[in-house]
Amino acid sequence: MIRNSIHIAICLVLFLAGCVTTVPGKEADREEALQKESADFVPGADGSSDDPVYRMKEYYEQGMDKIDGGYISEGIRLLVSVLAENENKAKPSEEAETYAEEAEIELNKLKSSLSLDVDENEWVDEKGNQKHGSTLNLEVVPSVRLTYNVSGSKWIVANAPVTFKFIKGGGIISGSVNTNELGQASCKVAKFDNANTQNIIRASIVVREKGYTYTFEGLNRDFLFEPPANRATILVLEKSEEGEANDPVIFDPVYNKLKDVAFDFTMYNGSLMGKEFMKIYGGDTKSIKKLSLEKGVSYLVVVLNDCFNVAQLEFRGKKLKGFISEARATLRVIRVADGKVLFETRVTLEKAKNTHAQGGSKETAIINALRGAAELMEKKLGDEIPKIKKIMTGE
């Protein structure tokens, strides 16, 4: 009856005050003071019995007092301590079971008044709906805010234990954190085990006291991270001392091999980009964003086929008919989101290894070198496709 009167008084004050705006730091200060008070609280220190039932009684009464006073987090911990004592007691006791049942009832009442909401704006669209994250963007992290609802008003709940865990997928995250003075808790994501599959991280209120774990079932928030779309652009630049090719010969050999990857590929000639191509080749995110990529493109396959060291044949200082040339073809898989080079392979035609190209004219020597490098790349990709497929699709 006394507790009911207190609850009525609190609700009346809140009603008269209207919607309460919590002063930042107030709840945290209260929780800090309460923790200190709790640390000094030792059941049975006043000379009374130290048996489990007595401790349960004290924990229960202390917990209810804290909740009535607005110290929600500490009140929860004390009520969970009641359940822990009941779980750990050596002998069954009707009185202990009664206290445990009452604590369970109060915790369920609390659950109905607690709200665990998405906190960061990055997770909410203009209509107020929760959005999905991307496995390629680790800067947008799961973040929640815990509040206690009383008569239409919300109290910020500081120092409450929030557990983040994968319910689909896996990776490295900061699993447990307490809410701050604004009721916020965030989870840092270091990596996903597989960024090419869907990952879901769940935030829950999980209280651990005296070896006992209590979870507020149903009071959680899920954060969905979607894998990149199966779309990619093949970006090719073919060049020599004569200039850049308008119709790169390496296009078809590369595409024919990449067709084994379950992606929708589009082609792009790097000669149309000027100096920006080499910036993209190096993974420059600003240059990548300048590209007019189709929506949903997740990866760039950047290919540079370069012919160099074109020279006329000589024998004993005498110029001969014909030219020799060298070439180098490099293929990189670059993630659009952050410009990271995920894969690279290279082939060369070298005079030192007697693999250079030649032709009756300079132009023929150049095209033969570029074609030779394209053929070598096609053969090399036959061995490398499994690696590329795993990077781009996770298979």
Foldseek 3Di string as FASTA:
>chain_A
DVLVVLLVVVLVVCVVVDADDDDQPPLVVVLVVVVVVVVPDDQCPVVDDPALLSLLVVLQVVLSVCVSVVQPQSSLQSLVVLVVSCVPHDDDDPSSVVSNVVSVVVVLVQLVFKAKAFDDPVQADPVGDGHAAALVDQVDWTKIAMWGHRNNYTDGHWQFKKAKDKPDFDADKDGIDTQHSRRMDTMGGPHTPARQAKIKMKIWGWHDDPNDIDTSPPRMDIHIHHHAAQEEEEEEWEAEPVGTDPDQPLVVLVVVLLVVAPGHYHYHYCSVPPPLLVVLVQQPLVSLVVDPDDPRHFKYWYKYKYKYPWAFDDDPRHGDFKIKIKIKMKIFIATNVRSDTPDMDMDMQDVVVPRIAMDRDSVVNSVRNSNVRSVVVSVVSVVVVVVVNCNSNVD
